[in-house]
N, C-alpha and C. Protein backbone atom coordinates (compact mmCIF):
# COMPACT_ATOMS: atom_id res chain seq x y z
N MET A 1 -7.25 -97.73 123.98
CA MET A 1 -7.80 -97.96 125.28
C MET A 1 -8.74 -96.76 125.49
N ASP A 2 -9.69 -96.99 126.50
CA ASP A 2 -10.70 -95.96 126.84
C ASP A 2 -10.04 -94.76 127.49
N THR A 3 -10.60 -93.59 127.09
CA THR A 3 -10.09 -92.36 127.73
C THR A 3 -10.78 -92.09 129.12
N PRO A 4 -9.93 -91.91 130.15
CA PRO A 4 -10.64 -91.71 131.48
C PRO A 4 -11.57 -90.56 131.44
N PRO A 5 -12.75 -90.74 132.19
CA PRO A 5 -13.66 -89.62 132.23
C PRO A 5 -13.23 -88.32 132.89
N THR A 6 -13.62 -87.22 132.39
CA THR A 6 -13.19 -85.98 132.95
C THR A 6 -13.99 -85.64 134.25
N ASP A 7 -13.67 -84.52 134.93
CA ASP A 7 -14.28 -84.17 136.15
C ASP A 7 -15.78 -83.86 135.85
N THR A 8 -16.15 -83.29 134.71
CA THR A 8 -17.48 -82.92 134.39
C THR A 8 -18.34 -84.07 133.83
N ALA A 9 -17.73 -85.25 133.62
CA ALA A 9 -18.55 -86.31 133.04
C ALA A 9 -19.37 -87.00 134.10
N PRO A 10 -20.53 -87.65 133.71
CA PRO A 10 -21.31 -88.38 134.72
C PRO A 10 -20.48 -89.50 135.32
N ALA A 11 -20.93 -90.04 136.46
CA ALA A 11 -20.22 -91.11 137.14
C ALA A 11 -20.12 -92.32 136.30
N ASP A 12 -21.07 -92.57 135.41
CA ASP A 12 -21.03 -93.87 134.63
C ASP A 12 -20.47 -93.59 133.24
N SER A 13 -19.85 -92.46 132.97
CA SER A 13 -19.38 -92.17 131.63
C SER A 13 -18.29 -93.08 131.12
N ALA A 14 -17.67 -93.93 132.01
CA ALA A 14 -16.70 -94.80 131.61
C ALA A 14 -17.26 -95.82 130.64
N ARG A 15 -18.64 -95.98 130.72
CA ARG A 15 -19.27 -96.89 129.78
C ARG A 15 -19.52 -96.22 128.45
N THR A 16 -18.54 -96.18 127.68
CA THR A 16 -18.66 -95.46 126.36
C THR A 16 -19.01 -96.45 125.29
N ASP A 17 -19.06 -95.96 124.05
CA ASP A 17 -19.34 -96.87 122.96
C ASP A 17 -18.06 -97.57 122.53
N THR A 18 -16.88 -97.21 123.09
CA THR A 18 -15.73 -97.96 122.77
C THR A 18 -15.78 -99.40 123.25
N VAL A 19 -15.42 -100.37 122.39
CA VAL A 19 -15.49 -101.84 122.84
C VAL A 19 -14.25 -102.17 123.58
N THR A 20 -14.39 -102.56 124.78
CA THR A 20 -13.31 -103.10 125.61
C THR A 20 -12.93 -104.48 125.29
N GLU A 21 -11.75 -104.90 125.61
CA GLU A 21 -11.39 -106.26 125.35
C GLU A 21 -12.29 -107.25 126.01
N ASP A 22 -12.68 -107.00 127.30
CA ASP A 22 -13.56 -107.89 128.09
C ASP A 22 -14.92 -107.96 127.36
N ALA A 23 -15.37 -106.86 126.88
CA ALA A 23 -16.72 -106.88 126.17
C ALA A 23 -16.69 -107.75 124.93
N VAL A 24 -15.54 -107.73 124.29
CA VAL A 24 -15.39 -108.39 123.02
C VAL A 24 -15.19 -109.89 123.17
N THR A 25 -14.35 -110.27 124.19
CA THR A 25 -13.92 -111.58 124.26
C THR A 25 -14.86 -112.45 125.12
N GLU A 26 -15.57 -111.84 126.10
CA GLU A 26 -16.54 -112.58 126.85
C GLU A 26 -17.95 -112.53 126.40
N ASP A 27 -18.84 -112.53 127.32
CA ASP A 27 -20.28 -112.41 127.05
C ASP A 27 -20.76 -113.66 126.25
N ALA A 28 -20.20 -114.84 126.52
CA ALA A 28 -20.68 -116.07 125.84
C ALA A 28 -21.49 -116.91 126.93
N GLY A 29 -22.49 -117.56 126.50
CA GLY A 29 -23.31 -118.32 127.33
C GLY A 29 -22.53 -119.52 127.98
N PRO A 30 -23.18 -120.23 128.94
CA PRO A 30 -22.48 -121.32 129.57
C PRO A 30 -22.14 -122.41 128.54
N GLY A 31 -20.97 -122.94 128.49
CA GLY A 31 -20.57 -123.92 127.59
C GLY A 31 -20.30 -123.52 126.16
N LEU A 32 -20.44 -122.15 125.87
CA LEU A 32 -20.28 -121.67 124.54
C LEU A 32 -18.87 -120.99 124.44
N PRO A 33 -18.25 -120.99 123.26
CA PRO A 33 -16.99 -120.33 123.05
C PRO A 33 -17.13 -118.78 123.04
N GLY A 34 -16.07 -118.10 123.53
CA GLY A 34 -16.17 -116.63 123.45
C GLY A 34 -16.08 -116.04 122.06
N LEU A 35 -16.18 -114.81 121.90
CA LEU A 35 -16.24 -114.26 120.59
C LEU A 35 -14.90 -114.36 119.83
N ARG A 36 -13.73 -114.18 120.51
CA ARG A 36 -12.54 -114.41 119.92
C ARG A 36 -12.29 -115.82 119.41
N ALA A 37 -12.62 -116.77 120.24
CA ALA A 37 -12.48 -118.14 119.85
C ALA A 37 -13.38 -118.48 118.69
N SER A 38 -14.57 -118.03 118.68
CA SER A 38 -15.51 -118.29 117.64
C SER A 38 -15.02 -117.72 116.27
N VAL A 39 -14.55 -116.40 116.35
CA VAL A 39 -13.98 -115.79 115.06
C VAL A 39 -12.76 -116.63 114.55
N GLU A 40 -11.87 -116.97 115.40
CA GLU A 40 -10.80 -117.83 115.11
C GLU A 40 -11.17 -119.14 114.38
N ALA A 41 -12.12 -119.71 114.97
CA ALA A 41 -12.57 -121.08 114.49
C ALA A 41 -13.17 -120.97 113.08
N ILE A 42 -13.93 -119.89 112.85
CA ILE A 42 -14.52 -119.66 111.48
C ILE A 42 -13.42 -119.34 110.49
N LEU A 43 -12.47 -118.50 110.88
CA LEU A 43 -11.37 -118.12 109.89
C LEU A 43 -10.49 -119.27 109.59
N LEU A 44 -10.38 -120.26 110.43
CA LEU A 44 -9.56 -121.40 110.13
C LEU A 44 -10.12 -122.28 109.02
N VAL A 45 -11.48 -122.22 108.76
CA VAL A 45 -11.99 -123.16 107.78
C VAL A 45 -12.53 -122.45 106.50
N VAL A 46 -12.44 -121.10 106.45
CA VAL A 46 -12.86 -120.38 105.23
C VAL A 46 -11.80 -120.58 104.02
N ASP A 47 -12.38 -120.65 102.88
CA ASP A 47 -11.39 -120.78 101.66
C ASP A 47 -11.31 -119.44 100.99
N GLU A 48 -11.90 -118.35 101.46
CA GLU A 48 -11.85 -117.10 100.89
C GLU A 48 -12.02 -115.97 102.05
N PRO A 49 -11.57 -114.80 101.87
CA PRO A 49 -11.82 -113.78 102.89
C PRO A 49 -13.28 -113.66 103.32
N VAL A 50 -13.56 -113.60 104.58
CA VAL A 50 -14.94 -113.48 104.99
C VAL A 50 -15.19 -112.10 105.62
N ALA A 51 -16.22 -111.48 105.18
CA ALA A 51 -16.55 -110.08 105.61
C ALA A 51 -16.97 -109.93 107.03
N GLU A 52 -16.75 -108.72 107.57
CA GLU A 52 -17.13 -108.44 108.97
C GLU A 52 -18.61 -108.59 109.20
N ILE A 53 -19.45 -108.08 108.25
CA ILE A 53 -20.90 -108.16 108.33
C ILE A 53 -21.27 -109.64 108.40
N THR A 54 -20.65 -110.51 107.64
CA THR A 54 -20.99 -111.96 107.53
C THR A 54 -20.73 -112.59 108.95
N LEU A 55 -19.57 -112.27 109.54
CA LEU A 55 -19.20 -112.74 110.88
C LEU A 55 -20.23 -112.25 111.94
N ALA A 56 -20.65 -110.98 111.81
CA ALA A 56 -21.58 -110.35 112.73
C ALA A 56 -22.97 -111.09 112.67
N GLN A 57 -23.34 -111.31 111.44
CA GLN A 57 -24.65 -111.96 111.32
C GLN A 57 -24.63 -113.38 111.80
N LEU A 58 -23.53 -114.08 111.50
CA LEU A 58 -23.39 -115.51 111.96
C LEU A 58 -23.35 -115.60 113.45
N LEU A 59 -22.56 -114.73 114.12
CA LEU A 59 -22.32 -114.79 115.57
C LEU A 59 -23.29 -114.04 116.32
N GLU A 60 -24.20 -113.27 115.59
CA GLU A 60 -25.22 -112.45 116.26
C GLU A 60 -24.66 -111.45 117.23
N ARG A 61 -23.63 -110.73 116.67
CA ARG A 61 -22.96 -109.69 117.47
C ARG A 61 -22.89 -108.43 116.62
N PRO A 62 -22.83 -107.23 117.29
CA PRO A 62 -22.69 -105.95 116.52
C PRO A 62 -21.44 -105.98 115.63
N THR A 63 -21.55 -105.38 114.44
CA THR A 63 -20.40 -105.40 113.53
C THR A 63 -19.20 -104.71 114.16
N HIS A 64 -19.38 -103.65 114.98
CA HIS A 64 -18.30 -102.88 115.50
C HIS A 64 -17.45 -103.82 116.52
N GLU A 65 -18.19 -104.76 117.20
CA GLU A 65 -17.42 -105.74 118.03
C GLU A 65 -16.60 -106.72 117.27
N ILE A 66 -17.14 -107.10 116.08
CA ILE A 66 -16.46 -108.08 115.14
C ILE A 66 -15.21 -107.38 114.68
N THR A 67 -15.31 -106.10 114.20
CA THR A 67 -14.25 -105.29 113.73
C THR A 67 -13.12 -105.14 114.75
N ALA A 68 -13.56 -104.82 116.03
CA ALA A 68 -12.58 -104.67 117.10
C ALA A 68 -11.83 -105.93 117.45
N THR A 69 -12.63 -107.06 117.44
CA THR A 69 -11.97 -108.36 117.61
C THR A 69 -10.96 -108.71 116.59
N LEU A 70 -11.35 -108.56 115.40
CA LEU A 70 -10.44 -108.94 114.23
C LEU A 70 -9.10 -108.11 114.28
N ARG A 71 -9.24 -106.71 114.60
CA ARG A 71 -8.05 -105.94 114.71
C ARG A 71 -7.22 -106.25 115.95
N GLU A 72 -7.87 -106.60 117.01
CA GLU A 72 -7.08 -107.06 118.22
C GLU A 72 -6.30 -108.34 117.95
N LEU A 73 -7.00 -109.32 117.34
CA LEU A 73 -6.31 -110.58 117.00
C LEU A 73 -5.16 -110.36 116.06
N SER A 74 -5.35 -109.59 115.05
CA SER A 74 -4.31 -109.29 114.04
C SER A 74 -3.09 -108.68 114.77
N ALA A 75 -3.39 -107.66 115.58
CA ALA A 75 -2.22 -107.01 116.28
C ALA A 75 -1.54 -107.93 117.29
N GLU A 76 -2.37 -108.75 117.93
CA GLU A 76 -1.86 -109.77 118.89
C GLU A 76 -0.89 -110.74 118.21
N TYR A 77 -1.28 -111.31 117.04
CA TYR A 77 -0.50 -112.29 116.29
C TYR A 77 0.89 -111.61 115.91
N THR A 78 0.73 -110.37 115.49
CA THR A 78 2.03 -109.64 115.00
C THR A 78 2.94 -109.46 116.20
N ALA A 79 2.37 -108.92 117.30
CA ALA A 79 3.19 -108.65 118.47
C ALA A 79 3.82 -109.91 119.05
N GLN A 80 3.21 -111.04 118.94
CA GLN A 80 3.70 -112.33 119.37
C GLN A 80 4.67 -112.94 118.44
N GLY A 81 4.83 -112.44 117.15
CA GLY A 81 5.67 -112.99 116.20
C GLY A 81 5.27 -114.35 115.75
N ARG A 82 3.93 -114.53 115.61
CA ARG A 82 3.33 -115.81 115.11
C ARG A 82 3.73 -116.04 113.72
N GLY A 83 3.72 -117.29 113.26
CA GLY A 83 4.05 -117.62 111.87
C GLY A 83 2.99 -117.37 111.00
N PHE A 84 1.76 -117.04 111.45
CA PHE A 84 0.63 -116.70 110.60
C PHE A 84 0.18 -115.23 110.87
N ASP A 85 -0.58 -114.78 109.91
CA ASP A 85 -0.97 -113.43 110.03
C ASP A 85 -2.42 -113.32 109.75
N LEU A 86 -3.24 -112.38 110.33
CA LEU A 86 -4.68 -112.20 109.97
C LEU A 86 -4.71 -110.89 109.27
N ARG A 87 -5.12 -111.04 108.00
CA ARG A 87 -5.07 -109.76 107.08
C ARG A 87 -6.50 -109.43 106.61
N GLU A 88 -6.72 -108.15 106.37
CA GLU A 88 -7.93 -107.66 105.78
C GLU A 88 -7.64 -107.41 104.25
N VAL A 89 -8.23 -108.31 103.48
CA VAL A 89 -8.03 -108.29 102.02
C VAL A 89 -9.33 -108.53 101.33
N ALA A 90 -9.53 -107.88 100.14
CA ALA A 90 -10.59 -108.21 99.26
C ALA A 90 -11.97 -108.03 100.04
N GLY A 91 -12.13 -107.10 100.94
CA GLY A 91 -13.43 -106.86 101.58
C GLY A 91 -13.67 -107.84 102.70
N GLY A 92 -12.68 -108.62 103.06
CA GLY A 92 -12.79 -109.57 104.20
C GLY A 92 -11.50 -109.84 104.99
N TRP A 93 -11.60 -110.86 105.82
CA TRP A 93 -10.46 -111.22 106.63
C TRP A 93 -10.15 -112.71 106.41
N ARG A 94 -8.81 -112.96 106.49
CA ARG A 94 -8.41 -114.38 106.32
C ARG A 94 -7.03 -114.57 106.87
N PHE A 95 -6.69 -115.83 107.29
CA PHE A 95 -5.33 -116.10 107.78
C PHE A 95 -4.45 -116.40 106.63
N TYR A 96 -3.12 -115.99 106.83
CA TYR A 96 -2.11 -116.13 105.85
C TYR A 96 -0.88 -116.50 106.58
N THR A 97 0.03 -117.23 105.94
CA THR A 97 1.41 -117.46 106.53
C THR A 97 2.10 -116.13 106.53
N ARG A 98 2.88 -115.81 107.53
CA ARG A 98 3.66 -114.56 107.50
C ARG A 98 4.77 -114.57 106.53
N ASP A 99 5.02 -113.44 105.92
CA ASP A 99 6.01 -113.22 104.81
C ASP A 99 7.34 -113.87 105.17
N VAL A 100 7.84 -113.53 106.40
CA VAL A 100 9.15 -113.97 106.80
C VAL A 100 9.26 -115.54 106.82
N CYS A 101 8.20 -116.22 106.90
CA CYS A 101 8.08 -117.64 106.95
C CYS A 101 8.16 -118.36 105.54
N ALA A 102 8.08 -117.48 104.46
CA ALA A 102 7.90 -118.01 103.15
C ALA A 102 9.02 -119.11 102.81
N PRO A 103 10.31 -118.82 103.08
CA PRO A 103 11.24 -119.83 102.77
C PRO A 103 11.09 -121.21 103.45
N VAL A 104 10.55 -121.16 104.68
CA VAL A 104 10.33 -122.44 105.37
C VAL A 104 9.12 -123.19 104.74
N VAL A 105 8.09 -122.44 104.50
CA VAL A 105 6.87 -123.03 103.95
C VAL A 105 7.28 -123.57 102.52
N GLU A 106 7.98 -122.76 101.76
CA GLU A 106 8.37 -123.18 100.40
C GLU A 106 9.20 -124.48 100.46
N ARG A 107 10.10 -124.63 101.39
CA ARG A 107 10.87 -125.75 101.59
C ARG A 107 10.06 -126.99 101.98
N PHE A 108 9.12 -126.75 102.91
CA PHE A 108 8.23 -127.84 103.27
C PHE A 108 7.43 -128.43 102.03
N VAL A 109 6.82 -127.43 101.32
CA VAL A 109 5.97 -127.92 100.18
C VAL A 109 6.80 -128.60 99.11
N THR A 110 8.00 -127.99 98.80
CA THR A 110 8.88 -128.60 97.79
C THR A 110 9.29 -130.02 98.22
N ASP A 111 9.79 -130.10 99.40
CA ASP A 111 10.26 -131.43 99.93
C ASP A 111 9.09 -132.45 99.92
N GLY A 112 7.94 -131.92 100.19
CA GLY A 112 6.77 -132.81 100.34
C GLY A 112 6.41 -133.48 98.98
N GLN A 113 6.90 -132.86 97.89
CA GLN A 113 6.59 -133.42 96.57
C GLN A 113 7.31 -134.78 96.43
N GLN A 114 8.36 -135.02 97.07
CA GLN A 114 9.11 -136.21 97.04
C GLN A 114 8.78 -137.19 98.09
N ALA A 115 8.02 -136.73 99.03
CA ALA A 115 7.69 -137.64 100.25
C ALA A 115 6.40 -138.34 100.05
N ARG A 116 6.19 -139.35 100.95
CA ARG A 116 4.89 -140.10 100.84
C ARG A 116 3.80 -139.20 101.43
N LEU A 117 2.60 -139.37 101.01
CA LEU A 117 1.49 -138.57 101.43
C LEU A 117 1.25 -138.85 102.90
N THR A 118 1.01 -137.83 103.68
CA THR A 118 0.61 -137.98 105.13
C THR A 118 -0.73 -138.49 105.26
N GLN A 119 -1.07 -138.86 106.50
CA GLN A 119 -2.47 -139.33 106.74
C GLN A 119 -3.49 -138.19 106.39
N ALA A 120 -3.11 -136.95 106.80
CA ALA A 120 -4.00 -135.82 106.47
C ALA A 120 -4.18 -135.65 104.98
N ALA A 121 -3.06 -135.81 104.16
CA ALA A 121 -3.22 -135.68 102.77
C ALA A 121 -4.05 -136.79 102.17
N LEU A 122 -3.91 -138.02 102.69
CA LEU A 122 -4.73 -139.06 102.15
C LEU A 122 -6.21 -138.89 102.40
N GLU A 123 -6.46 -138.41 103.68
CA GLU A 123 -7.87 -138.15 104.01
C GLU A 123 -8.48 -137.04 103.11
N THR A 124 -7.73 -135.96 102.90
CA THR A 124 -8.20 -134.89 102.03
C THR A 124 -8.39 -135.30 100.68
N LEU A 125 -7.42 -136.09 100.09
CA LEU A 125 -7.54 -136.61 98.72
C LEU A 125 -8.77 -137.53 98.62
N ALA A 126 -9.14 -138.30 99.67
CA ALA A 126 -10.27 -139.14 99.60
C ALA A 126 -11.48 -138.34 99.51
N VAL A 127 -11.57 -137.29 100.31
CA VAL A 127 -12.80 -136.45 100.32
C VAL A 127 -12.96 -135.84 98.98
N VAL A 128 -11.93 -135.31 98.34
CA VAL A 128 -12.03 -134.73 97.02
C VAL A 128 -12.41 -135.74 95.99
N ALA A 129 -11.85 -136.93 96.07
CA ALA A 129 -12.16 -137.99 95.13
C ALA A 129 -13.62 -138.35 95.13
N TYR A 130 -14.18 -138.57 96.28
CA TYR A 130 -15.50 -139.07 96.38
C TYR A 130 -16.64 -137.93 96.41
N ARG A 131 -16.19 -136.68 96.64
CA ARG A 131 -17.20 -135.63 96.68
C ARG A 131 -16.99 -134.58 95.64
N GLN A 132 -16.09 -134.80 94.73
CA GLN A 132 -15.82 -133.75 93.70
C GLN A 132 -17.05 -133.52 92.75
N PRO A 133 -17.02 -132.20 92.25
CA PRO A 133 -16.19 -131.06 92.61
C PRO A 133 -16.64 -130.59 93.95
N VAL A 134 -15.61 -130.19 94.82
CA VAL A 134 -15.84 -129.80 96.21
C VAL A 134 -15.00 -128.62 96.56
N SER A 135 -15.51 -127.71 97.35
CA SER A 135 -14.65 -126.55 97.81
C SER A 135 -13.74 -126.88 98.98
N ARG A 136 -12.78 -126.12 99.20
CA ARG A 136 -11.87 -126.25 100.35
C ARG A 136 -12.65 -126.20 101.65
N ALA A 137 -13.57 -125.33 101.75
CA ALA A 137 -14.25 -125.15 103.02
C ALA A 137 -15.08 -126.37 103.21
N ARG A 138 -15.76 -127.05 102.19
CA ARG A 138 -16.48 -128.22 102.40
C ARG A 138 -15.54 -129.39 102.82
N VAL A 139 -14.37 -129.47 102.24
CA VAL A 139 -13.40 -130.44 102.72
C VAL A 139 -13.01 -130.31 104.11
N SER A 140 -12.74 -129.15 104.55
CA SER A 140 -12.39 -128.83 105.87
C SER A 140 -13.57 -129.09 106.86
N ALA A 141 -14.79 -128.90 106.43
CA ALA A 141 -15.94 -129.15 107.29
C ALA A 141 -16.08 -130.68 107.42
N ILE A 142 -15.86 -131.40 106.45
CA ILE A 142 -16.07 -132.92 106.44
C ILE A 142 -14.94 -133.54 107.36
N ARG A 143 -13.72 -133.01 107.24
CA ARG A 143 -12.58 -133.53 108.04
C ARG A 143 -12.64 -132.94 109.44
N GLY A 144 -13.28 -131.76 109.61
CA GLY A 144 -13.27 -131.19 110.98
C GLY A 144 -12.01 -130.48 111.34
N VAL A 145 -11.22 -130.15 110.36
CA VAL A 145 -9.94 -129.41 110.52
C VAL A 145 -9.58 -128.60 109.25
N ASN A 146 -8.96 -127.44 109.40
CA ASN A 146 -8.55 -126.72 108.26
C ASN A 146 -7.71 -127.50 107.29
N SER A 147 -8.06 -127.59 106.02
CA SER A 147 -7.38 -128.37 105.04
C SER A 147 -6.68 -127.61 103.96
N ASP A 148 -6.67 -126.22 104.08
CA ASP A 148 -6.06 -125.36 103.04
C ASP A 148 -4.68 -125.80 102.69
N GLY A 149 -3.85 -125.94 103.72
CA GLY A 149 -2.46 -126.27 103.39
C GLY A 149 -2.26 -127.61 102.71
N VAL A 150 -3.03 -128.58 103.11
CA VAL A 150 -3.02 -129.91 102.49
C VAL A 150 -3.52 -129.85 101.06
N MET A 151 -4.54 -129.08 100.85
CA MET A 151 -5.13 -128.87 99.46
C MET A 151 -4.09 -128.25 98.55
N ARG A 152 -3.29 -127.28 99.06
CA ARG A 152 -2.27 -126.62 98.23
C ARG A 152 -1.20 -127.66 97.96
N THR A 153 -0.84 -128.57 98.91
CA THR A 153 0.17 -129.53 98.61
C THR A 153 -0.31 -130.56 97.60
N LEU A 154 -1.54 -130.99 97.70
CA LEU A 154 -2.07 -131.93 96.71
C LEU A 154 -2.16 -131.31 95.30
N THR A 155 -2.42 -130.02 95.25
CA THR A 155 -2.45 -129.30 93.92
C THR A 155 -1.04 -129.18 93.42
N LEU A 156 -0.06 -128.86 94.24
CA LEU A 156 1.35 -128.78 93.68
C LEU A 156 1.82 -130.09 93.25
N ARG A 157 1.34 -131.26 93.85
CA ARG A 157 1.79 -132.63 93.47
C ARG A 157 1.00 -133.08 92.23
N GLY A 158 0.07 -132.22 91.82
CA GLY A 158 -0.67 -132.68 90.59
C GLY A 158 -1.81 -133.70 90.78
N LEU A 159 -2.26 -133.86 91.95
CA LEU A 159 -3.22 -134.86 92.30
C LEU A 159 -4.70 -134.32 92.24
N ILE A 160 -4.77 -132.96 92.48
CA ILE A 160 -6.10 -132.32 92.36
C ILE A 160 -5.83 -131.00 91.59
N GLU A 161 -6.93 -130.44 91.09
CA GLU A 161 -6.90 -129.29 90.31
C GLU A 161 -8.14 -128.41 90.47
N ASP A 162 -8.07 -127.19 89.96
CA ASP A 162 -9.21 -126.28 90.04
C ASP A 162 -10.32 -126.69 89.05
N ALA A 163 -11.51 -126.76 89.54
CA ALA A 163 -12.66 -127.17 88.75
C ALA A 163 -13.75 -126.01 88.67
N GLY A 164 -13.25 -124.79 88.60
CA GLY A 164 -14.16 -123.65 88.46
C GLY A 164 -14.76 -123.22 89.76
N GLN A 165 -15.91 -122.48 89.71
CA GLN A 165 -16.46 -121.93 90.89
C GLN A 165 -17.93 -122.42 91.02
N ASP A 166 -18.31 -122.56 92.31
CA ASP A 166 -19.68 -122.81 92.68
C ASP A 166 -20.62 -121.69 92.19
N PRO A 167 -21.66 -121.94 91.41
CA PRO A 167 -22.48 -120.88 90.90
C PRO A 167 -23.23 -120.08 92.01
N ASP A 168 -23.43 -120.71 93.17
CA ASP A 168 -24.18 -120.12 94.30
C ASP A 168 -23.25 -119.31 95.16
N SER A 169 -22.23 -119.99 95.77
CA SER A 169 -21.24 -119.42 96.70
C SER A 169 -20.07 -118.76 96.08
N GLN A 170 -19.86 -119.04 94.80
CA GLN A 170 -18.59 -118.53 94.11
C GLN A 170 -17.30 -119.03 94.77
N ALA A 171 -17.46 -120.06 95.57
CA ALA A 171 -16.17 -120.71 96.04
C ALA A 171 -15.47 -121.53 95.07
N HIS A 172 -14.19 -121.56 95.16
CA HIS A 172 -13.39 -122.42 94.15
C HIS A 172 -13.60 -123.87 94.36
N LEU A 173 -13.85 -124.59 93.40
CA LEU A 173 -14.06 -126.10 93.48
C LEU A 173 -12.86 -126.80 92.99
N TYR A 174 -12.72 -128.00 93.55
CA TYR A 174 -11.53 -128.89 93.24
C TYR A 174 -11.99 -130.26 92.80
N ARG A 175 -11.17 -130.86 91.93
CA ARG A 175 -11.44 -132.30 91.51
C ARG A 175 -10.09 -133.00 91.32
N THR A 176 -10.14 -134.26 91.25
CA THR A 176 -8.89 -134.97 91.04
C THR A 176 -8.43 -134.97 89.51
N THR A 177 -7.15 -135.23 89.30
CA THR A 177 -6.57 -135.07 87.99
C THR A 177 -6.41 -136.42 87.20
N GLY A 178 -6.00 -136.37 86.07
CA GLY A 178 -5.64 -137.56 85.28
C GLY A 178 -4.43 -138.28 85.95
N TYR A 179 -3.54 -137.47 86.57
CA TYR A 179 -2.32 -138.02 87.11
C TYR A 179 -2.77 -138.85 88.42
N PHE A 180 -3.92 -138.40 89.05
CA PHE A 180 -4.44 -139.20 90.24
C PHE A 180 -4.84 -140.54 89.82
N LEU A 181 -5.67 -140.64 88.74
CA LEU A 181 -6.10 -141.87 88.10
C LEU A 181 -4.86 -142.78 87.71
N GLU A 182 -3.86 -142.13 87.16
CA GLU A 182 -2.66 -142.83 86.74
C GLU A 182 -1.97 -143.49 87.86
N ARG A 183 -1.81 -142.70 89.08
CA ARG A 183 -1.10 -143.16 90.14
C ARG A 183 -1.87 -144.35 90.90
N LEU A 184 -3.27 -144.31 90.76
CA LEU A 184 -4.02 -145.31 91.39
C LEU A 184 -4.36 -146.49 90.39
N GLY A 185 -3.94 -146.32 89.22
CA GLY A 185 -4.16 -147.40 88.19
C GLY A 185 -5.55 -147.55 87.85
N LEU A 186 -6.38 -146.44 87.79
CA LEU A 186 -7.74 -146.46 87.45
C LEU A 186 -7.96 -145.89 86.07
N ARG A 187 -8.96 -146.44 85.34
CA ARG A 187 -9.36 -145.87 84.03
C ARG A 187 -10.16 -144.63 84.19
N ASP A 188 -11.10 -144.66 85.13
CA ASP A 188 -11.91 -143.41 85.44
C ASP A 188 -12.37 -143.53 86.90
N LEU A 189 -13.17 -142.51 87.30
CA LEU A 189 -13.65 -142.43 88.68
C LEU A 189 -14.59 -143.51 89.02
N GLU A 190 -15.19 -144.10 88.04
CA GLU A 190 -16.23 -145.19 88.26
C GLU A 190 -15.61 -146.36 88.91
N GLU A 191 -14.26 -146.50 88.80
CA GLU A 191 -13.52 -147.66 89.33
C GLU A 191 -13.11 -147.39 90.77
N LEU A 192 -13.46 -146.21 91.29
CA LEU A 192 -13.21 -146.05 92.76
C LEU A 192 -13.94 -147.00 93.60
N PRO A 193 -13.34 -147.64 94.57
CA PRO A 193 -14.02 -148.60 95.40
C PRO A 193 -15.16 -148.03 96.21
N ASP A 194 -16.14 -148.85 96.49
CA ASP A 194 -17.28 -148.37 97.30
C ASP A 194 -16.77 -148.13 98.79
N LEU A 195 -17.03 -147.00 99.40
CA LEU A 195 -16.55 -146.75 100.67
C LEU A 195 -17.44 -147.33 101.86
N GLY A 196 -18.63 -147.74 101.54
CA GLY A 196 -19.50 -148.25 102.45
C GLY A 196 -18.97 -149.21 103.44
N PRO A 197 -18.37 -150.27 103.05
CA PRO A 197 -17.86 -151.28 103.95
C PRO A 197 -16.66 -150.80 104.87
N TYR A 198 -16.18 -149.61 104.56
CA TYR A 198 -14.96 -149.08 105.38
C TYR A 198 -15.46 -148.01 106.35
N LEU A 199 -16.68 -147.60 106.28
CA LEU A 199 -17.14 -146.51 107.12
C LEU A 199 -17.74 -146.96 108.43
N PRO A 200 -17.52 -146.28 109.52
CA PRO A 200 -18.17 -146.61 110.81
C PRO A 200 -19.68 -146.52 110.74
N ASP A 201 -20.40 -147.27 111.53
CA ASP A 201 -21.87 -147.23 111.51
C ASP A 201 -22.47 -145.94 111.96
N ASP A 202 -21.70 -145.16 112.89
CA ASP A 202 -22.26 -143.98 113.44
C ASP A 202 -21.83 -142.67 112.66
N LEU A 203 -21.29 -142.87 111.44
CA LEU A 203 -20.88 -141.67 110.69
C LEU A 203 -22.05 -140.95 110.22
N PRO A 204 -22.01 -139.54 110.31
CA PRO A 204 -23.18 -138.68 109.96
C PRO A 204 -23.56 -139.00 108.52
N GLU A 205 -24.85 -138.99 108.26
CA GLU A 205 -25.36 -139.19 106.92
C GLU A 205 -24.90 -138.13 105.97
N GLU A 206 -24.71 -136.89 106.49
CA GLU A 206 -24.19 -135.72 105.63
C GLU A 206 -22.92 -136.07 104.91
N ILE A 207 -22.15 -136.87 105.59
CA ILE A 207 -20.82 -137.18 105.00
C ILE A 207 -20.80 -138.28 104.08
N ILE A 208 -21.70 -139.31 104.19
CA ILE A 208 -21.67 -140.46 103.37
C ILE A 208 -22.67 -140.39 102.28
N GLU A 209 -23.50 -139.37 102.32
CA GLU A 209 -24.49 -139.32 101.17
C GLU A 209 -23.92 -139.19 99.83
N ASP A 210 -24.59 -139.68 98.80
CA ASP A 210 -24.10 -139.63 97.44
C ASP A 210 -24.08 -138.17 96.95
N LYS A 211 -23.21 -137.91 96.03
CA LYS A 211 -23.09 -136.46 95.50
C LYS A 211 -24.41 -136.19 94.81
């Protein structure tokens, strides 16, 4: 918290370089998300830790404001006992499930191996199948929702696998496996059906374009 001004400080000395919560969370234009919401949204779709300077450049805010926001959010999640944690690792920040929740997450993933695929898993698997090799961030962007958990489930079930790294972004890429073809009764990916007849007319071209 800011230190109260002393008797010898100027009348406006309360305006220090320390970033207050209001300064960090507000200051968004009409109809635009605040800084905290923007940071959270980005962190939900990244597939690797994102650096403070990267967030600062993207959101066009001073790096010290981004740092303050990240630390505030991390402390807030911990104080509230959330099931997820915001950690600073490998030169960046990323969401992780909290350690105490590991048994629950493990049970969910393990039980999921015996269950039918959810709608989210089917959507994610379709994106990987038709856009492979593809990064987790790209899958999340196409679906419009974070897909990291679903991607891990599909990997554990042997339907997708690591396909190396993108030479430009260094992001991990994923592709379908031989087991995927076996389960669908396909000889190769060329036998995947054409998606065109099943897509809505107003779907963005970016999503339906050929690889």
